[in-house]
PDB file of N, CA and C in Angstrom:
ATOM      1  N   MET A   1     -69.357 -19.880  19.042  1.00  0.00           N
ATOM      2  CA  MET A   1     -68.358 -18.896  18.706  1.00  0.00           C
ATOM      3  C   MET A   1     -68.122 -18.966  17.198  1.00  0.00           C
ATOM      4  N   TYR A   2     -68.177 -17.831  16.571  1.00  0.00           N
ATOM      5  CA  TYR A   2     -67.984 -17.756  15.130  1.00  0.00           C
ATOM      6  C   TYR A   2     -66.645 -17.107  14.822  1.00  0.00           C
ATOM      7  N   PHE A   3     -65.853 -17.795  14.004  1.00  0.00           N
ATOM      8  CA  PHE A   3     -64.601 -17.225  13.559  1.00  0.00           C
ATOM      9  C   PHE A   3     -64.863 -16.531  12.231  1.00  0.00           C
ATOM     10  N   LEU A   4     -64.673 -15.235  12.205  1.00  0.00           N
ATOM     11  CA  LEU A   4     -64.970 -14.495  10.997  1.00  0.00           C
ATOM     12  C   LEU A   4     -63.773 -14.389  10.074  1.00  0.00           C
ATOM     13  N   TYR A   5     -62.568 -14.459  10.639  1.00  0.00           N
ATOM     14  CA  TYR A   5     -61.396 -14.215   9.803  1.00  0.00           C
ATOM     15  C   TYR A   5     -60.207 -15.017  10.317  1.00  0.00           C
ATOM     16  N   PHE A   6     -59.600 -15.785   9.453  1.00  0.00           N
ATOM     17  CA  PHE A   6     -58.331 -16.466   9.728  1.00  0.00           C
ATOM     18  C   PHE A   6     -57.274 -15.804   8.874  1.00  0.00           C
ATOM     19  N   ASP A   7     -56.305 -15.213   9.499  1.00  0.00           N
ATOM     20  CA  ASP A   7     -55.219 -14.661   8.700  1.00  0.00           C
ATOM     21  C   ASP A   7     -54.217 -15.781   8.382  1.00  0.00           C
ATOM     22  N   PRO A   8     -53.340 -15.573   7.396  1.00  0.00           N
ATOM     23  CA  PRO A   8     -52.407 -16.640   6.996  1.00  0.00           C
ATOM     24  C   PRO A   8     -51.483 -17.094   8.132  1.00  0.00           C
ATOM     25  N   GLY A   9     -51.139 -16.196   9.026  1.00  0.00           N
ATOM     26  CA  GLY A   9     -50.279 -16.567  10.151  1.00  0.00           C
ATOM     27  C   GLY A   9     -50.955 -17.561  11.074  1.00  0.00           C
ATOM     28  N   LEU A  10     -52.225 -17.357  11.346  1.00  0.00           N
ATOM     29  CA  LEU A  10     -52.969 -18.269  12.206  1.00  0.00           C
ATOM     30  C   LEU A  10     -53.160 -19.623  11.526  1.00  0.00           C
ATOM     31  N   GLY A  11     -53.432 -19.596  10.245  1.00  0.00           N
ATOM     32  CA  GLY A  11     -53.586 -20.854   9.507  1.00  0.00           C
ATOM     33  C   GLY A  11     -52.297 -21.651   9.497  1.00  0.00           C
ATOM     34  N   ALA A  12     -51.170 -20.971   9.300  1.00  0.00           N
ATOM     35  CA  ALA A  12     -49.872 -21.650   9.315  1.00  0.00           C
ATOM     36  C   ALA A  12     -49.574 -22.207  10.702  1.00  0.00           C
ATOM     37  N   MET A  13     -49.952 -21.466  11.736  1.00  0.00           N
ATOM     38  CA  MET A  13     -49.720 -21.923  13.103  1.00  0.00           C
ATOM     39  C   MET A  13     -50.552 -23.170  13.407  1.00  0.00           C
ATOM     40  N   ILE A  14     -51.774 -23.202  12.931  1.00  0.00           N
ATOM     41  CA  ILE A  14     -52.638 -24.367  13.153  1.00  0.00           C
ATOM     42  C   ILE A  14     -52.084 -25.582  12.418  1.00  0.00           C
ATOM     43  N   ILE A  15     -51.659 -25.389  11.174  1.00  0.00           N
ATOM     44  CA  ILE A  15     -51.081 -26.498  10.407  1.00  0.00           C
ATOM     45  C   ILE A  15     -49.803 -27.003  11.055  1.00  0.00           C
ATOM     46  N   GLN A  16     -48.952 -26.086  11.533  1.00  0.00           N
ATOM     47  CA  GLN A  16     -47.712 -26.476  12.199  1.00  0.00           C
ATOM     48  C   GLN A  16     -47.996 -27.256  13.476  1.00  0.00           C
ATOM     49  N   ALA A  17     -49.001 -26.846  14.227  1.00  0.00           N
ATOM     50  CA  ALA A  17     -49.353 -27.561  15.456  1.00  0.00           C
ATOM     51  C   ALA A  17     -49.866 -28.960  15.151  1.00  0.00           C
ATOM     52  N   ILE A  18     -50.639 -29.104  14.089  1.00  0.00           N
ATOM     53  CA  ILE A  18     -51.153 -30.426  13.709  1.00  0.00           C
ATOM     54  C   ILE A  18     -50.010 -31.335  13.286  1.00  0.00           C
ATOM     55  N   ILE A  19     -49.097 -30.821  12.453  1.00  0.00           N
ATOM     56  CA  ILE A  19     -47.960 -31.625  12.001  1.00  0.00           C
ATOM     57  C   ILE A  19     -47.069 -32.010  13.176  1.00  0.00           C
ATOM     58  N   ALA A  20     -46.826 -31.085  14.095  1.00  0.00           N
ATOM     59  CA  ALA A  20     -45.990 -31.385  15.257  1.00  0.00           C
ATOM     60  C   ALA A  20     -46.647 -32.427  16.157  1.00  0.00           C
ATOM     61  N   ALA A  21     -47.955 -32.349  16.314  1.00  0.00           N
ATOM     62  CA  ALA A  21     -48.659 -33.328  17.144  1.00  0.00           C
ATOM     63  C   ALA A  21     -48.589 -34.721  16.522  1.00  0.00           C
ATOM     64  N   VAL A  22     -48.769 -34.803  15.212  1.00  0.00           N
ATOM     65  CA  VAL A  22     -48.702 -36.096  14.537  1.00  0.00           C
ATOM     66  C   VAL A  22     -47.295 -36.677  14.626  1.00  0.00           C
ATOM     67  N   ALA A  23     -46.272 -35.851  14.372  1.00  0.00           N
ATOM     68  CA  ALA A  23     -44.887 -36.323  14.446  1.00  0.00           C
ATOM     69  C   ALA A  23     -44.526 -36.756  15.868  1.00  0.00           C
ATOM     70  N   GLY A  24     -44.950 -35.994  16.862  1.00  0.00           N
ATOM     71  CA  GLY A  24     -44.688 -36.362  18.247  1.00  0.00           C
ATOM     72  C   GLY A  24     -45.359 -37.664  18.635  1.00  0.00           C
ATOM     73  N   PHE A  25     -46.580 -37.862  18.175  1.00  0.00           N
ATOM     74  CA  PHE A  25     -47.291 -39.107  18.462  1.00  0.00           C
ATOM     75  C   PHE A  25     -46.598 -40.299  17.817  1.00  0.00           C
ATOM     76  N   ILE A  26     -46.153 -40.135  16.577  1.00  0.00           N
ATOM     77  CA  ILE A  26     -45.483 -41.237  15.877  1.00  0.00           C
ATOM     78  C   ILE A  26     -44.183 -41.613  16.584  1.00  0.00           C
ATOM     79  N   LEU A  27     -43.375 -40.612  16.942  1.00  0.00           N
ATOM     80  CA  LEU A  27     -42.105 -40.905  17.614  1.00  0.00           C
ATOM     81  C   LEU A  27     -42.331 -41.512  18.998  1.00  0.00           C
ATOM     82  N   PHE A  28     -43.326 -41.012  19.727  1.00  0.00           N
ATOM     83  CA  PHE A  28     -43.617 -41.545  21.045  1.00  0.00           C
ATOM     84  C   PHE A  28     -44.116 -42.978  20.951  1.00  0.00           C
ATOM     85  N   SER A  29     -44.988 -43.254  19.984  1.00  0.00           N
ATOM     86  CA  SER A  29     -45.542 -44.601  19.876  1.00  0.00           C
ATOM     87  C   SER A  29     -44.484 -45.605  19.418  1.00  0.00           C
ATOM     88  N   LYS A  30     -43.528 -45.172  18.566  1.00  0.00           N
ATOM     89  CA  LYS A  30     -42.463 -46.084  18.158  1.00  0.00           C
ATOM     90  C   LYS A  30     -41.608 -46.477  19.358  1.00  0.00           C
ATOM     91  N   ASN A  31     -41.327 -45.521  20.238  1.00  0.00           N
ATOM     92  CA  ASN A  31     -40.526 -45.801  21.425  1.00  0.00           C
ATOM     93  C   ASN A  31     -41.275 -46.736  22.371  1.00  0.00           C
ATOM     94  N   VAL A  32     -42.549 -46.506  22.553  1.00  0.00           N
ATOM     95  CA  VAL A  32     -43.351 -47.352  23.443  1.00  0.00           C
ATOM     96  C   VAL A  32     -43.461 -48.764  22.872  1.00  0.00           C
ATOM     97  N   MET A  33     -43.700 -48.875  21.576  1.00  0.00           N
ATOM     98  CA  MET A  33     -43.814 -50.203  20.961  1.00  0.00           C
ATOM     99  C   MET A  33     -42.490 -50.960  21.039  1.00  0.00           C
ATOM    100  N   TYR A  34     -41.364 -50.261  20.878  1.00  0.00           N
ATOM    101  CA  TYR A  34     -40.062 -50.913  20.996  1.00  0.00           C
ATOM    102  C   TYR A  34     -39.858 -51.442  22.414  1.00  0.00           C
ATOM    103  N   LYS A  35     -40.239 -50.657  23.421  1.00  0.00           N
ATOM    104  CA  LYS A  35     -40.077 -51.104  24.806  1.00  0.00           C
ATOM    105  C   LYS A  35     -41.001 -52.269  25.126  1.00  0.00           C
ATOM    106  N   ILE A  36     -42.191 -52.273  24.577  1.00  0.00           N
ATOM    107  CA  ILE A  36     -43.106 -53.392  24.796  1.00  0.00           C
ATOM    108  C   ILE A  36     -42.566 -54.656  24.129  1.00  0.00           C
ATOM    109  N   LYS A  37     -42.071 -54.528  22.894  1.00  0.00           N
ATOM    110  CA  LYS A  37     -41.496 -55.686  22.205  1.00  0.00           C
ATOM    111  C   LYS A  37     -40.256 -56.184  22.931  1.00  0.00           C
ATOM    112  N   LEU A  38     -39.469 -55.266  23.490  1.00  0.00           N
ATOM    113  CA  LEU A  38     -38.283 -55.648  24.245  1.00  0.00           C
ATOM    114  C   LEU A  38     -38.680 -56.403  25.514  1.00  0.00           C
ATOM    115  N   LEU A  39     -39.756 -55.966  26.152  1.00  0.00           N
ATOM    116  CA  LEU A  39     -40.245 -56.618  27.365  1.00  0.00           C
ATOM    117  C   LEU A  39     -40.767 -58.020  27.054  1.00  0.00           C
ATOM    118  N   ILE A  40     -41.488 -58.163  25.962  1.00  0.00           N
ATOM    119  CA  ILE A  40     -42.032 -59.464  25.581  1.00  0.00           C
ATOM    120  C   ILE A  40     -40.929 -60.394  25.083  1.00  0.00           C
ATOM    121  N   GLY A  41     -39.930 -59.827  24.445  1.00  0.00           N
ATOM    122  CA  GLY A  41     -38.835 -60.630  23.943  1.00  0.00           C
ATOM    123  C   GLY A  41     -38.829 -60.756  22.426  1.00  0.00           C
ATOM    124  N   ILE A  42     -39.680 -60.004  21.769  1.00  0.00           N
ATOM    125  CA  ILE A  42     -39.736 -60.050  20.304  1.00  0.00           C
ATOM    126  C   ILE A  42     -38.536 -59.319  19.714  1.00  0.00           C
ATOM    127  N   ALA A  43     -38.237 -58.149  20.232  1.00  0.00           N
ATOM    128  CA  ALA A  43     -37.117 -57.348  19.724  1.00  0.00           C
ATOM    129  C   ALA A  43     -35.888 -57.601  20.588  1.00  0.00           C
ATOM    130  N   LYS A  44     -34.746 -57.561  19.969  1.00  0.00           N
ATOM    131  CA  LYS A  44     -33.489 -57.738  20.700  1.00  0.00           C
ATOM    132  C   LYS A  44     -32.870 -56.383  20.957  1.00  0.00           C
ATOM    133  N   LYS A  45     -32.269 -56.235  22.119  1.00  0.00           N
ATOM    134  CA  LYS A  45     -31.644 -54.971  22.468  1.00  0.00           C
ATOM    135  C   LYS A  45     -30.388 -54.776  21.635  1.00  0.00           C
ATOM    136  N   ASP A  46     -30.261 -53.592  21.060  1.00  0.00           N
ATOM    137  CA  ASP A  46     -29.094 -53.272  20.246  1.00  0.00           C
ATOM    138  C   ASP A  46     -27.900 -53.032  21.149  1.00  0.00           C
ATOM    139  N   LYS A  47     -26.767 -53.629  20.786  1.00  0.00           N
ATOM    140  CA  LYS A  47     -25.534 -53.408  21.527  1.00  0.00           C
ATOM    141  C   LYS A  47     -24.594 -52.557  20.689  1.00  0.00           C
ATOM    142  N   ASP A  48     -25.053 -51.382  20.323  1.00  0.00           N
ATOM    143  CA  ASP A  48     -24.233 -50.470  19.545  1.00  0.00           C
ATOM    144  C   ASP A  48     -23.354 -49.676  20.503  1.00  0.00           C
ATOM    145  N   ASP A  49     -22.097 -50.005  20.501  1.00  0.00           N
ATOM    146  CA  ASP A  49     -21.147 -49.254  21.299  1.00  0.00           C
ATOM    147  C   ASP A  49     -20.239 -48.512  20.335  1.00  0.00           C
ATOM    148  N   VAL A  50     -20.248 -47.226  20.446  1.00  0.00           N
ATOM    149  CA  VAL A  50     -19.502 -46.390  19.513  1.00  0.00           C
ATOM    150  C   VAL A  50     -18.004 -46.645  19.628  1.00  0.00           C
ATOM    151  N   PHE A  51     -17.537 -46.944  20.806  1.00  0.00           N
ATOM    152  CA  PHE A  51     -16.113 -47.070  21.038  1.00  0.00           C
ATOM    153  C   PHE A  51     -15.542 -48.418  20.610  1.00  0.00           C
ATOM    154  N   ASP A  52     -16.392 -49.350  20.200  1.00  0.00           N
ATOM    155  CA  ASP A  52     -15.881 -50.632  19.718  1.00  0.00           C
ATOM    156  C   ASP A  52     -15.179 -50.495  18.374  1.00  0.00           C
ATOM    157  N   ASP A  53     -15.563 -49.508  17.589  1.00  0.00           N
ATOM    158  CA  ASP A  53     -14.989 -49.332  16.259  1.00  0.00           C
ATOM    159  C   ASP A  53     -13.654 -48.591  16.286  1.00  0.00           C
ATOM    160  N   ILE A  54     -13.303 -47.995  17.402  1.00  0.00           N
ATOM    161  CA  ILE A  54     -12.088 -47.196  17.487  1.00  0.00           C
ATOM    162  C   ILE A  54     -10.943 -48.086  17.955  1.00  0.00           C
ATOM    163  N   GLU A  55      -9.895 -48.131  17.155  1.00  0.00           N
ATOM    164  CA  GLU A  55      -8.718 -48.912  17.521  1.00  0.00           C
ATOM    165  C   GLU A  55      -7.582 -47.957  17.883  1.00  0.00           C
ATOM    166  N   ILE A  56      -7.081 -48.074  19.097  1.00  0.00           N
ATOM    167  CA  ILE A  56      -5.984 -47.231  19.557  1.00  0.00           C
ATOM    168  C   ILE A  56      -4.800 -48.137  19.877  1.00  0.00           C
ATOM    169  N   LYS A  57      -3.694 -47.857  19.261  1.00  0.00           N
ATOM    170  CA  LYS A  57      -2.480 -48.628  19.513  1.00  0.00           C
ATOM    171  C   LYS A  57      -1.684 -47.949  20.609  1.00  0.00           C
ATOM    172  N   ASP A  58      -0.835 -48.752  21.281  1.00  0.00           N
ATOM    173  CA  ASP A  58      -0.001 -48.169  22.321  1.00  0.00           C
ATOM    174  C   ASP A  58       0.983 -47.149  21.767  1.00  0.00           C
ATOM    175  N   SER A  59       1.395 -47.352  20.526  1.00  0.00           N
ATOM    176  CA  SER A  59       2.343 -46.408  19.932  1.00  0.00           C
ATOM    177  C   SER A  59       1.679 -45.068  19.640  1.00  0.00           C
ATOM    178  N   ASP A  60       0.359 -45.035  19.504  1.00  0.00           N
ATOM    179  CA  ASP A  60      -0.348 -43.789  19.266  1.00  0.00           C
ATOM    180  C   ASP A  60      -0.414 -42.926  20.525  1.00  0.00           C
ATOM    181  N   VAL A  61      -0.447 -43.583  21.678  1.00  0.00           N
ATOM    182  CA  VAL A  61      -0.550 -42.866  22.929  1.00  0.00           C
ATOM    183  C   VAL A  61       0.826 -42.870  23.603  1.00  0.00           C
ATOM    184  N   GLU A  62       1.433 -41.728  23.686  1.00  0.00           N
ATOM    185  CA  GLU A  62       2.766 -41.622  24.294  1.00  0.00           C
ATOM    186  C   GLU A  62       2.768 -40.491  25.302  1.00  0.00           C
ATOM    187  N   ASN A  63       3.569 -40.663  26.301  1.00  0.00           N
ATOM    188  CA  ASN A  63       3.778 -39.559  27.250  1.00  0.00           C
ATOM    189  C   ASN A  63       4.819 -38.622  26.681  1.00  0.00           C
ATOM    190  N   LYS A  64       4.402 -37.443  26.360  1.00  0.00           N
ATOM    191  CA  LYS A  64       5.334 -36.461  25.796  1.00  0.00           C
ATOM    192  C   LYS A  64       5.686 -35.478  26.890  1.00  0.00           C
ATOM    193  N   ASN A  65       6.789 -35.752  27.552  1.00  0.00           N
ATOM    194  CA  ASN A  65       7.241 -34.871  28.643  1.00  0.00           C
ATOM    195  C   ASN A  65       8.290 -33.911  28.177  1.00  0.00           C
TER     196      ASN A  65
END
């Protein structure tokens, strides 16, 4: 099959697909490698709890009837 003409739209679409495939592979492989390291015990599980940083006092919460 011979391609006689690539218009700029097709070229941009091909480049976008290549970039998206590379980015998707990188993100997927980072997640897989993290899970493998977590399974082996090399990486430690992050205990990031968003609500630990929030301090609520009893005086802030009142029943306003």
